[in-house]
Protein backbone atom coordinates (compact mmCIF):
# COMPACT_ATOMS: atom_id res chain seq x y z
CA MET A 1 57.38 86.58 214.67
CA SER A 2 56.57 88.74 217.68
CA GLN A 3 53.62 91.03 218.06
CA VAL A 4 55.86 94.04 217.48
CA GLN A 5 57.02 92.57 214.19
CA ILE A 6 53.42 91.94 213.15
CA VAL A 7 52.52 95.55 213.87
CA ARG A 8 55.57 96.78 211.97
CA SER A 9 54.71 94.65 208.95
CA PHE A 10 51.15 95.93 209.06
CA ILE A 11 52.36 99.54 209.13
CA GLU A 12 54.68 98.81 206.22
CA GLU A 13 51.76 97.42 204.24
CA LEU A 14 49.77 100.57 205.02
CA SER A 15 52.58 102.83 203.85
CA LYS A 16 52.95 100.87 200.58
CA ASN A 17 49.23 100.91 199.74
CA SER A 18 47.83 103.91 201.56
CA ARG A 19 44.51 103.70 199.75
CA LYS A 20 44.13 99.94 199.76
CA HIS A 21 45.26 98.70 203.11
CA PRO A 22 44.56 95.08 203.99
CA ASP A 23 41.92 94.37 206.58
CA ARG A 24 43.94 91.39 207.65
CA ILE A 25 47.58 90.45 207.65
CA SER A 26 48.33 87.57 205.36
CA VAL A 27 48.81 84.24 207.10
CA ASP A 28 52.38 83.83 205.84
CA LYS A 29 53.45 86.85 207.93
CA ILE A 30 52.09 85.38 211.15
CA ASN A 31 53.72 82.43 212.85
CA GLY A 32 52.13 80.03 215.30
CA SER A 33 53.44 81.73 218.44
CA ALA A 34 51.61 84.96 217.65
CA LEU A 35 48.35 83.08 217.17
CA SER A 36 48.67 81.11 220.38
CA THR A 37 49.35 84.12 222.61
CA ALA A 38 46.95 83.97 225.54
CA ILE A 39 45.08 87.11 226.42
CA GLY A 40 44.01 87.29 230.03
CA LEU A 41 40.45 88.39 230.67
CA PRO A 42 39.53 90.03 233.95
CA GLU A 43 37.45 87.85 236.19
CA THR A 44 34.10 89.36 237.05
CA PRO A 45 31.94 87.76 239.69
CA PHE A 46 28.49 86.69 238.64
CA PRO A 47 25.52 87.94 240.65
CA LYS A 48 24.43 85.63 243.37
CA GLU A 49 21.44 83.43 242.61
CA GLU A 50 19.55 84.72 245.62
CA PHE A 51 19.30 88.20 244.11
CA LYS A 52 18.19 87.10 240.66
CA ASN A 53 14.73 85.96 241.69
CA GLU A 54 14.21 88.49 244.45
CA GLU A 55 10.99 90.38 243.88
CA LYS A 56 10.78 93.83 245.43
CA LYS A 57 7.54 94.72 247.16
CA VAL A 58 6.19 98.19 247.71
CA HIS A 59 3.44 99.31 250.09
CA ILE A 60 0.93 101.52 248.26
CA ILE A 61 -1.37 103.90 250.13
CA ALA A 62 -4.09 105.55 248.03
CA LYS A 63 -6.32 108.34 249.35
CA THR A 64 -9.15 110.18 247.67
CA VAL A 65 -8.57 113.82 246.82
CA ARG A 66 -12.14 115.01 247.33
CA PRO A 67 -14.26 114.50 250.45
CA PRO A 68 -15.20 112.10 251.84
CA VAL A 69 -11.60 111.02 252.31
CA ILE A 70 -11.31 107.28 251.72
CA SER A 71 -8.07 105.36 251.81
CA ALA A 72 -6.95 101.92 250.72
CA SER A 73 -3.62 100.15 250.81
CA ALA A 74 -1.97 97.21 249.13
CA GLU A 75 1.35 95.40 249.15
CA VAL A 76 2.36 94.68 245.55
CA SER A 77 5.43 93.78 243.55
CA THR A 78 7.24 96.50 241.61
CA SER A 79 6.85 94.29 238.53
CA SER A 80 3.04 94.53 238.80
CA THR A 81 1.04 96.66 236.43
CA ILE A 82 -1.12 99.60 237.45
CA LEU A 83 -4.17 97.54 236.47
CA GLU A 84 -3.12 94.80 238.92
CA LEU A 85 -2.75 97.46 241.63
CA LYS A 86 -6.25 98.76 240.86
CA GLU A 87 -7.61 95.21 241.03
CA SER A 88 -6.17 94.84 244.54
CA LEU A 89 -7.53 98.22 245.70
CA ALA A 90 -11.03 98.04 244.17
CA PRO A 91 -12.48 95.36 246.54
CA GLN A 92 -11.43 97.40 249.58
CA LEU A 93 -13.33 100.39 248.18
CA ASN A 94 -16.35 98.42 246.90
CA VAL A 95 -15.96 99.95 243.43
CA ALA A 96 -15.35 98.62 239.94
CA VAL A 97 -11.79 98.74 238.63
CA THR A 98 -12.96 100.86 235.70
CA SER A 99 -14.20 103.62 238.02
CA LEU A 100 -10.87 103.96 239.84
CA ARG A 101 -8.30 106.57 238.75
CA LEU A 102 -4.86 106.76 240.35
CA LEU A 103 -2.46 109.70 240.25
CA HIS A 104 1.16 110.04 241.35
CA LYS A 105 2.53 113.57 241.75
CA GLY A 106 -0.49 114.88 239.85
CA LYS A 107 0.02 112.62 236.82
CA PRO A 108 -2.45 109.86 235.92
CA LEU A 109 -1.15 106.29 236.00
CA VAL A 110 -1.69 104.22 232.85
CA ASN A 111 -3.10 100.69 233.37
CA SER A 112 -0.62 98.97 231.05
CA LYS A 113 2.51 100.44 232.69
CA PHE A 114 4.45 98.81 235.52
CA LEU A 115 4.87 100.26 239.00
CA ALA A 116 8.63 100.39 238.40
CA ASP A 117 7.98 102.82 235.53
CA TYR A 118 6.60 105.42 237.95
CA PHE A 119 8.29 104.91 241.29
CA ASP A 120 11.83 104.91 242.59
CA PRO A 121 13.00 101.26 242.68
CA GLU A 122 14.33 101.72 246.20
CA ALA A 123 11.02 103.04 247.59
CA THR A 124 9.25 100.85 250.12
CA GLU A 125 6.14 102.99 250.53
CA VAL A 126 4.35 105.16 247.97
CA SER A 127 1.39 107.51 248.43
CA LEU A 128 -1.07 107.99 245.58
CA GLN A 129 -4.03 110.23 244.94
CA MET A 130 -7.24 108.51 243.97
CA PHE A 131 -10.44 109.52 242.18
CA LEU A 132 -13.57 107.41 242.35
CA LEU A 133 -15.74 108.00 239.31
CA GLN A 134 -19.50 107.93 239.69
CA SER A 135 -21.09 105.02 237.87
CA SER A 136 -24.15 106.02 235.87
């Protein structure tokens, strides 16, 4: 039985029982050749191994908004968190991580988010605004 015949028999079954059509064609209506028909799948190349583990780095430059203008920079992975970025900037500024606030385009960066959540993945350099809170 060819595929055309299978389709025809299915349509006939539908027309007989319009409300109760079978989800499957009974096995006696299908012969072995229809079951063994090979369906070709398109071949898709897999990504190269070298790109799987490649970690993108971004150069971050942070400058204070208020005088005195202080700047710090760090080279970090895009998979790093904002807290990890602050931990790399704080020693350069001689401040505690908790007293460091970072902004990007006027919006505060949340410690638990990743750099990739805020920045364009293709960016190689990003400028941030920075506030240093006074410790009391």
